[in-house]
Amino acid sequence: MTKQELIELIESLPGEDREGKIEGIFCDKYGAVITTDSIRVDMDGGRIILAQKGSGYHSTNHDNWQQELTFCRNHKKANA
């Protein structure tokens, strides 16, 4: 998936699909399934970062996501 495809997908979501929490699910080649609520989209790097609960990076990933969201919201307000 490209960045533009992700943006297109999000922009075309119907209203009912824009609300609520999102969960990341990773399925490895051995059949393990890992779920997490720690998801961060890093558009600069072109990455979606998932951090498993209990890992050392889970809270860091969440904090970075919060910072990016704050930056985005402040940028929108400044340009409104």
PDB file of N, CA and C in Angstrom:
ATOM      1  N   MET A   1       0.846  -1.173   0.000  1.00  0.00           N
ATOM      2  CA  MET A   1       0.000   0.000   0.000  1.00  0.00           C
ATOM      3  C   MET A   1       0.894   1.239   0.000  1.00  0.00           C
ATOM      4  N   THR A   2       0.501   2.232  -0.751  1.00  0.00           N
ATOM      5  CA  THR A   2       1.245   3.482  -0.786  1.00  0.00           C
ATOM      6  C   THR A   2       0.612   4.479   0.186  1.00  0.00           C
ATOM      7  N   LYS A   3       1.351   5.551   0.476  1.00  0.00           N
ATOM      8  CA  LYS A   3       0.811   6.599   1.347  1.00  0.00           C
ATOM      9  C   LYS A   3      -0.463   7.178   0.746  1.00  0.00           C
ATOM     10  N   GLN A   4      -0.434   7.446  -0.551  1.00  0.00           N
ATOM     11  CA  GLN A   4      -1.601   8.038  -1.204  1.00  0.00           C
ATOM     12  C   GLN A   4      -2.808   7.101  -1.124  1.00  0.00           C
ATOM     13  N   GLU A   5      -2.586   5.800  -1.276  1.00  0.00           N
ATOM     14  CA  GLU A   5      -3.694   4.842  -1.168  1.00  0.00           C
ATOM     15  C   GLU A   5      -4.274   4.838   0.241  1.00  0.00           C
ATOM     16  N   LEU A   6      -3.411   4.940   1.253  1.00  0.00           N
ATOM     17  CA  LEU A   6      -3.889   4.995   2.630  1.00  0.00           C
ATOM     18  C   LEU A   6      -4.721   6.250   2.860  1.00  0.00           C
ATOM     19  N   ILE A   7      -4.241   7.391   2.373  1.00  0.00           N
ATOM     20  CA  ILE A   7      -4.981   8.646   2.511  1.00  0.00           C
ATOM     21  C   ILE A   7      -6.317   8.551   1.783  1.00  0.00           C
ATOM     22  N   GLU A   8      -6.308   8.003   0.590  1.00  0.00           N
ATOM     23  CA  GLU A   8      -7.545   7.844  -0.189  1.00  0.00           C
ATOM     24  C   GLU A   8      -8.549   6.973   0.560  1.00  0.00           C
ATOM     25  N   LEU A   9      -8.061   5.893   1.136  1.00  0.00           N
ATOM     26  CA  LEU A   9      -8.923   4.984   1.885  1.00  0.00           C
ATOM     27  C   LEU A   9      -9.538   5.691   3.096  1.00  0.00           C
ATOM     28  N   ILE A  10      -8.741   6.400   3.844  1.00  0.00           N
ATOM     29  CA  ILE A  10      -9.230   7.086   5.040  1.00  0.00           C
ATOM     30  C   ILE A  10     -10.210   8.187   4.667  1.00  0.00           C
ATOM     31  N   GLU A  11      -9.903   8.963   3.626  1.00  0.00           N
ATOM     32  CA  GLU A  11     -10.784  10.053   3.228  1.00  0.00           C
ATOM     33  C   GLU A  11     -12.136   9.565   2.710  1.00  0.00           C
ATOM     34  N   SER A  12     -12.191   8.337   2.222  1.00  0.00           N
ATOM     35  CA  SER A  12     -13.451   7.836   1.667  1.00  0.00           C
ATOM     36  C   SER A  12     -14.263   7.004   2.660  1.00  0.00           C
ATOM     37  N   LEU A  13     -13.813   6.915   3.913  1.00  0.00           N
ATOM     38  CA  LEU A  13     -14.558   6.146   4.909  1.00  0.00           C
ATOM     39  C   LEU A  13     -15.905   6.792   5.192  1.00  0.00           C
ATOM     40  N   PRO A  14     -16.964   5.993   5.276  1.00  0.00           N
ATOM     41  CA  PRO A  14     -18.257   6.543   5.675  1.00  0.00           C
ATOM     42  C   PRO A  14     -18.204   6.950   7.149  1.00  0.00           C
ATOM     43  N   GLY A  15     -19.099   7.829   7.542  1.00  0.00           N
ATOM     44  CA  GLY A  15     -19.119   8.373   8.898  1.00  0.00           C
ATOM     45  C   GLY A  15     -19.065   7.340  10.000  1.00  0.00           C
ATOM     46  N   GLU A  16     -19.827   6.264   9.854  1.00  0.00           N
ATOM     47  CA  GLU A  16     -19.870   5.259  10.923  1.00  0.00           C
ATOM     48  C   GLU A  16     -18.542   4.523  11.095  1.00  0.00           C
ATOM     49  N   ASP A  17     -17.693   4.519  10.067  1.00  0.00           N
ATOM     50  CA  ASP A  17     -16.393   3.851  10.159  1.00  0.00           C
ATOM     51  C   ASP A  17     -15.287   4.787  10.650  1.00  0.00           C
ATOM     52  N   ARG A  18     -15.604   6.043  10.905  1.00  0.00           N
ATOM     53  CA  ARG A  18     -14.604   7.011  11.361  1.00  0.00           C
ATOM     54  C   ARG A  18     -14.541   7.110  12.881  1.00  0.00           C
ATOM     55  N   GLU A  19     -15.439   6.465  13.581  1.00  0.00           N
ATOM     56  CA  GLU A  19     -15.502   6.551  15.039  1.00  0.00           C
ATOM     57  C   GLU A  19     -15.000   5.258  15.674  1.00  0.00           C
ATOM     58  N   GLY A  20     -14.543   5.362  16.910  1.00  0.00           N
ATOM     59  CA  GLY A  20     -14.140   4.189  17.670  1.00  0.00           C
ATOM     60  C   GLY A  20     -12.648   3.944  17.633  1.00  0.00           C
ATOM     61  N   LYS A  21     -12.249   2.957  18.372  1.00  0.00           N
ATOM     62  CA  LYS A  21     -10.833   2.603  18.486  1.00  0.00           C
ATOM     63  C   LYS A  21     -10.401   1.733  17.313  1.00  0.00           C
ATOM     64  N   ILE A  22      -9.093   1.672  17.124  1.00  0.00           N
ATOM     65  CA  ILE A  22      -8.531   0.821  16.089  1.00  0.00           C
ATOM     66  C   ILE A  22      -7.506  -0.102  16.749  1.00  0.00           C
ATOM     67  N   GLU A  23      -7.411  -1.296  16.238  1.00  0.00           N
ATOM     68  CA  GLU A  23      -6.509  -2.298  16.788  1.00  0.00           C
ATOM     69  C   GLU A  23      -5.586  -2.787  15.684  1.00  0.00           C
ATOM     70  N   GLY A  24      -4.318  -2.925  16.020  1.00  0.00           N
ATOM     71  CA  GLY A  24      -3.359  -3.490  15.073  1.00  0.00           C
ATOM     72  C   GLY A  24      -3.256  -4.985  15.285  1.00  0.00           C
ATOM     73  N   ILE A  25      -3.227  -5.719  14.194  1.00  0.00           N
ATOM     74  CA  ILE A  25      -3.104  -7.178  14.268  1.00  0.00           C
ATOM     75  C   ILE A  25      -1.954  -7.597  13.361  1.00  0.00           C
ATOM     76  N   PHE A  26      -0.979  -8.312  13.938  1.00  0.00           N
ATOM     77  CA  PHE A  26       0.159  -8.818  13.177  1.00  0.00           C
ATOM     78  C   PHE A  26       0.107 -10.335  13.194  1.00  0.00           C
ATOM     79  N   CYS A  27       0.161 -10.938  12.013  1.00  0.00           N
ATOM     80  CA  CYS A  27       0.148 -12.402  11.876  1.00  0.00           C
ATOM     81  C   CYS A  27       1.489 -12.829  11.302  1.00  0.00           C
ATOM     82  N   ASP A  28       2.258 -13.624  12.060  1.00  0.00           N
ATOM     83  CA  ASP A  28       3.555 -14.039  11.542  1.00  0.00           C
ATOM     84  C   ASP A  28       3.459 -15.357  10.782  1.00  0.00           C
ATOM     85  N   LYS A  29       4.545 -15.750  10.156  1.00  0.00           N
ATOM     86  CA  LYS A  29       4.533 -16.937   9.296  1.00  0.00           C
ATOM     87  C   LYS A  29       4.426 -18.246  10.073  1.00  0.00           C
ATOM     88  N   TYR A  30       4.559 -18.177  11.399  1.00  0.00           N
ATOM     89  CA  TYR A  30       4.447 -19.382  12.218  1.00  0.00           C
ATOM     90  C   TYR A  30       3.058 -19.554  12.820  1.00  0.00           C
ATOM     91  N   GLY A  31       2.156 -18.631  12.494  1.00  0.00           N
ATOM     92  CA  GLY A  31       0.790 -18.732  12.978  1.00  0.00           C
ATOM     93  C   GLY A  31       0.491 -17.903  14.218  1.00  0.00           C
ATOM     94  N   ALA A  32       1.497 -17.230  14.757  1.00  0.00           N
ATOM     95  CA  ALA A  32       1.257 -16.384  15.923  1.00  0.00           C
ATOM     96  C   ALA A  32       0.488 -15.133  15.500  1.00  0.00           C
ATOM     97  N   VAL A  33      -0.409 -14.695  16.362  1.00  0.00           N
ATOM     98  CA  VAL A  33      -1.180 -13.483  16.115  1.00  0.00           C
ATOM     99  C   VAL A  33      -0.953 -12.551  17.302  1.00  0.00           C
ATOM    100  N   ILE A  34      -0.505 -11.341  17.018  1.00  0.00           N
ATOM    101  CA  ILE A  34      -0.241 -10.344  18.046  1.00  0.00           C
ATOM    102  C   ILE A  34      -1.172  -9.167  17.795  1.00  0.00           C
ATOM    103  N   THR A  35      -1.897  -8.751  18.830  1.00  0.00           N
ATOM    104  CA  THR A  35      -2.775  -7.588  18.706  1.00  0.00           C
ATOM    105  C   THR A  35      -2.268  -6.489  19.628  1.00  0.00           C
ATOM    106  N   THR A  36      -2.533  -5.244  19.254  1.00  0.00           N
ATOM    107  CA  THR A  36      -2.101  -4.114  20.063  1.00  0.00           C
ATOM    108  C   THR A  36      -2.955  -2.895  19.780  1.00  0.00           C
ATOM    109  N   ASP A  37      -2.994  -1.999  20.756  1.00  0.00           N
ATOM    110  CA  ASP A  37      -3.655  -0.711  20.571  1.00  0.00           C
ATOM    111  C   ASP A  37      -2.622   0.390  20.334  1.00  0.00           C
ATOM    112  N   SER A  38      -1.339   0.022  20.309  1.00  0.00           N
ATOM    113  CA  SER A  38      -0.256   0.980  20.127  1.00  0.00           C
ATOM    114  C   SER A  38       0.145   0.996  18.653  1.00  0.00           C
ATOM    115  N   ILE A  39      -0.491   1.902  17.915  1.00  0.00           N
ATOM    116  CA  ILE A  39      -0.301   2.000  16.465  1.00  0.00           C
ATOM    117  C   ILE A  39       0.092   3.431  16.144  1.00  0.00           C
ATOM    118  N   ARG A  40       1.130   3.583  15.333  1.00  0.00           N
ATOM    119  CA  ARG A  40       1.548   4.924  14.936  1.00  0.00           C
ATOM    120  C   ARG A  40       1.843   4.933  13.456  1.00  0.00           C
ATOM    121  N   VAL A  41       1.278   5.911  12.765  1.00  0.00           N
ATOM    122  CA  VAL A  41       1.554   6.089  11.344  1.00  0.00           C
ATOM    123  C   VAL A  41       2.635   7.156  11.235  1.00  0.00           C
ATOM    124  N   ASP A  42       3.778   6.774  10.682  1.00  0.00           N
ATOM    125  CA  ASP A  42       4.907   7.681  10.492  1.00  0.00           C
ATOM    126  C   ASP A  42       4.995   7.987   9.003  1.00  0.00           C
ATOM    127  N   MET A  43       4.328   9.055   8.582  1.00  0.00           N
ATOM    128  CA  MET A  43       4.268   9.376   7.154  1.00  0.00           C
ATOM    129  C   MET A  43       5.625   9.800   6.611  1.00  0.00           C
ATOM    130  N   ASP A  44       6.454  10.463   7.446  1.00  0.00           N
ATOM    131  CA  ASP A  44       7.785  10.851   6.982  1.00  0.00           C
ATOM    132  C   ASP A  44       8.588   9.627   6.560  1.00  0.00           C
ATOM    133  N   GLY A  45       8.523   8.595   7.387  1.00  0.00           N
ATOM    134  CA  GLY A  45       9.287   7.379   7.111  1.00  0.00           C
ATOM    135  C   GLY A  45       8.516   6.349   6.307  1.00  0.00           C
ATOM    136  N   GLY A  46       7.222   6.606   6.072  1.00  0.00           N
ATOM    137  CA  GLY A  46       6.414   5.650   5.327  1.00  0.00           C
ATOM    138  C   GLY A  46       6.218   4.347   6.072  1.00  0.00           C
ATOM    139  N   ARG A  47       5.990   4.457   7.383  1.00  0.00           N
ATOM    140  CA  ARG A  47       5.860   3.247   8.201  1.00  0.00           C
ATOM    141  C   ARG A  47       4.594   3.289   9.045  1.00  0.00           C
ATOM    142  N   ILE A  48       4.069   2.129   9.320  1.00  0.00           N
ATOM    143  CA  ILE A  48       3.049   1.962  10.345  1.00  0.00           C
ATOM    144  C   ILE A  48       3.729   1.143  11.429  1.00  0.00           C
ATOM    145  N   ILE A  49       3.830   1.715  12.613  1.00  0.00           N
ATOM    146  CA  ILE A  49       4.589   1.102  13.694  1.00  0.00           C
ATOM    147  C   ILE A  49       3.614   0.518  14.707  1.00  0.00           C
ATOM    148  N   LEU A  50       3.761  -0.766  14.978  1.00  0.00           N
ATOM    149  CA  LEU A  50       2.949  -1.478  15.957  1.00  0.00           C
ATOM    150  C   LEU A  50       3.873  -1.891  17.100  1.00  0.00           C
ATOM    151  N   ALA A  51       3.443  -1.666  18.332  1.00  0.00           N
ATOM    152  CA  ALA A  51       4.232  -2.087  19.478  1.00  0.00           C
ATOM    153  C   ALA A  51       3.367  -2.962  20.367  1.00  0.00           C
ATOM    154  N   GLN A  52       3.853  -4.140  20.648  1.00  0.00           N
ATOM    155  CA  GLN A  52       3.097  -5.104  21.437  1.00  0.00           C
ATOM    156  C   GLN A  52       2.989  -4.655  22.897  1.00  0.00           C
ATOM    157  N   LYS A  53       1.808  -4.866  23.477  1.00  0.00           N
ATOM    158  CA  LYS A  53       1.626  -4.587  24.900  1.00  0.00           C
ATOM    159  C   LYS A  53       2.651  -5.394  25.688  1.00  0.00           C
ATOM    160  N   GLY A  54       3.234  -4.759  26.689  1.00  0.00           N
ATOM    161  CA  GLY A  54       4.238  -5.439  27.501  1.00  0.00           C
ATOM    162  C   GLY A  54       5.660  -5.232  26.994  1.00  0.00           C
ATOM    163  N   SER A  55       5.803  -4.751  25.772  1.00  0.00           N
ATOM    164  CA  SER A  55       7.147  -4.483  25.252  1.00  0.00           C
ATOM    165  C   SER A  55       7.614  -3.130  25.789  1.00  0.00           C
ATOM    166  N   GLY A  56       8.907  -2.922  25.787  1.00  0.00           N
ATOM    167  CA  GLY A  56       9.452  -1.653  26.238  1.00  0.00           C
ATOM    168  C   GLY A  56       9.068  -0.489  25.347  1.00  0.00           C
ATOM    169  N   TYR A  57       8.678  -0.762  24.121  1.00  0.00           N
ATOM    170  CA  TYR A  57       8.382   0.304  23.165  1.00  0.00           C
ATOM    171  C   TYR A  57       6.902   0.682  23.137  1.00  0.00           C
ATOM    172  N   HIS A  58       6.049  -0.076  23.781  1.00  0.00           N
ATOM    173  CA  HIS A  58       4.603   0.166  23.735  1.00  0.00           C
ATOM    174  C   HIS A  58       4.254   1.579  24.180  1.00  0.00           C
ATOM    175  N   SER A  59       4.713   1.999  25.354  1.00  0.00           N
ATOM    176  CA  SER A  59       4.360   3.328  25.853  1.00  0.00           C
ATOM    177  C   SER A  59       5.057   4.424  25.057  1.00  0.00           C
ATOM    178  N   THR A  60       6.288   4.189  24.610  1.00  0.00           N
ATOM    179  CA  THR A  60       6.998   5.169  23.783  1.00  0.00           C
ATOM    180  C   THR A  60       6.257   5.390  22.476  1.00  0.00           C
ATOM    181  N   ASN A  61       5.801   4.319  21.852  1.00  0.00           N
ATOM    182  CA  ASN A  61       5.060   4.416  20.604  1.00  0.00           C
ATOM    183  C   ASN A  61       3.768   5.201  20.816  1.00  0.00           C
ATOM    184  N   HIS A  62       3.086   4.927  21.915  1.00  0.00           N
ATOM    185  CA  HIS A  62       1.844   5.645  22.236  1.00  0.00           C
ATOM    186  C   HIS A  62       2.124   7.133  22.453  1.00  0.00           C
ATOM    187  N   ASP A  63       3.181   7.445  23.193  1.00  0.00           N
ATOM    188  CA  ASP A  63       3.527   8.849  23.449  1.00  0.00           C
ATOM    189  C   ASP A  63       3.883   9.572  22.157  1.00  0.00           C
ATOM    190  N   ASN A  64       4.633   8.914  21.270  1.00  0.00           N
ATOM    191  CA  ASN A  64       4.993   9.518  19.982  1.00  0.00           C
ATOM    192  C   ASN A  64       3.748   9.764  19.138  1.00  0.00           C
ATOM    193  N   TRP A  65       2.803   8.831  19.177  1.00  0.00           N
ATOM    194  CA  TRP A  65       1.546   8.993  18.453  1.00  0.00           C
ATOM    195  C   TRP A  65       0.796  10.207  18.988  1.00  0.00           C
ATOM    196  N   GLN A  66       0.754  10.371  20.302  1.00  0.00           N
ATOM    197  CA  GLN A  66       0.075  11.514  20.897  1.00  0.00           C
ATOM    198  C   GLN A  66       0.735  12.825  20.463  1.00  0.00           C
ATOM    199  N   GLN A  67       2.062  12.856  20.402  1.00  0.00           N
ATOM    200  CA  GLN A  67       2.786  14.052  19.964  1.00  0.00           C
ATOM    201  C   GLN A  67       2.457  14.388  18.513  1.00  0.00           C
ATOM    202  N   GLU A  68       2.418  13.383  17.657  1.00  0.00           N
ATOM    203  CA  GLU A  68       2.104  13.620  16.248  1.00  0.00           C
ATOM    204  C   GLU A  68       0.673  14.128  16.085  1.00  0.00           C
ATOM    205  N   LEU A  69      -0.250  13.588  16.862  1.00  0.00           N
ATOM    206  CA  LEU A  69      -1.637  14.025  16.807  1.00  0.00           C
ATOM    207  C   LEU A  69      -1.768  15.475  17.279  1.00  0.00           C
ATOM    208  N   THR A  70      -1.080  15.819  18.343  1.00  0.00           N
ATOM    209  CA  THR A  70      -1.086  17.197  18.841  1.00  0.00           C
ATOM    210  C   THR A  70      -0.511  18.140  17.790  1.00  0.00           C
ATOM    211  N   PHE A  71       0.600  17.770  17.176  1.00  0.00           N
ATOM    212  CA  PHE A  71       1.215  18.588  16.136  1.00  0.00           C
ATOM    213  C   PHE A  71       0.229  18.807  14.979  1.00  0.00           C
ATOM    214  N   CYS A  72      -0.429  17.742  14.561  1.00  0.00           N
ATOM    215  CA  CYS A  72      -1.383  17.816  13.453  1.00  0.00           C
ATOM    216  C   CYS A  72      -2.530  18.754  13.792  1.00  0.00           C
ATOM    217  N   ARG A  73      -3.076  18.629  14.988  1.00  0.00           N
ATOM    218  CA  ARG A  73      -4.204  19.470  15.401  1.00  0.00           C
ATOM    219  C   ARG A  73      -3.787  20.933  15.523  1.00  0.00           C
ATOM    220  N   ASN A  74      -2.598  21.189  16.058  1.00  0.00           N
ATOM    221  CA  ASN A  74      -2.110  22.565  16.150  1.00  0.00           C
ATOM    222  C   ASN A  74      -1.866  23.163  14.777  1.00  0.00           C
ATOM    223  N   HIS A  75      -1.379  22.352  13.864  1.00  0.00           N
ATOM    224  CA  HIS A  75      -1.130  22.806  12.488  1.00  0.00           C
ATOM    225  C   HIS A  75      -2.441  23.178  11.807  1.00  0.00           C
ATOM    226  N   LYS A  76      -3.478  22.377  12.018  1.00  0.00           N
ATOM    227  CA  LYS A  76      -4.794  22.669  11.452  1.00  0.00           C
ATOM    228  C   LYS A  76      -5.350  23.980  11.988  1.00  0.00           C
ATOM    229  N   LYS A  77      -5.209  24.192  13.312  1.00  0.00           N
ATOM    230  CA  LYS A  77      -5.714  25.423  13.929  1.00  0.00           C
ATOM    231  C   LYS A  77      -4.974  26.646  13.385  1.00  0.00           C
ATOM    232  N   ALA A  78      -3.669  26.531  13.211  1.00  0.00           N
ATOM    233  CA  ALA A  78      -2.868  27.652  12.742  1.00  0.00           C
ATOM    234  C   ALA A  78      -3.208  28.022  11.299  1.00  0.00           C
ATOM    235  N   ASN A  79      -3.643  27.043  10.516  1.00  0.00           N
ATOM    236  CA  ASN A  79      -3.948  27.272   9.100  1.00  0.00           C
ATOM    237  C   ASN A  79      -5.438  27.469   8.827  1.00  0.00           C
ATOM    238  N   ALA A  80      -6.240  27.516   9.897  1.00  0.00           N
ATOM    239  CA  ALA A  80      -7.693  27.678   9.714  1.00  0.00           C
ATOM    240  C   ALA A  80      -8.079  29.126   9.545  1.00  0.00           C
TER     241      ALA A  80
END
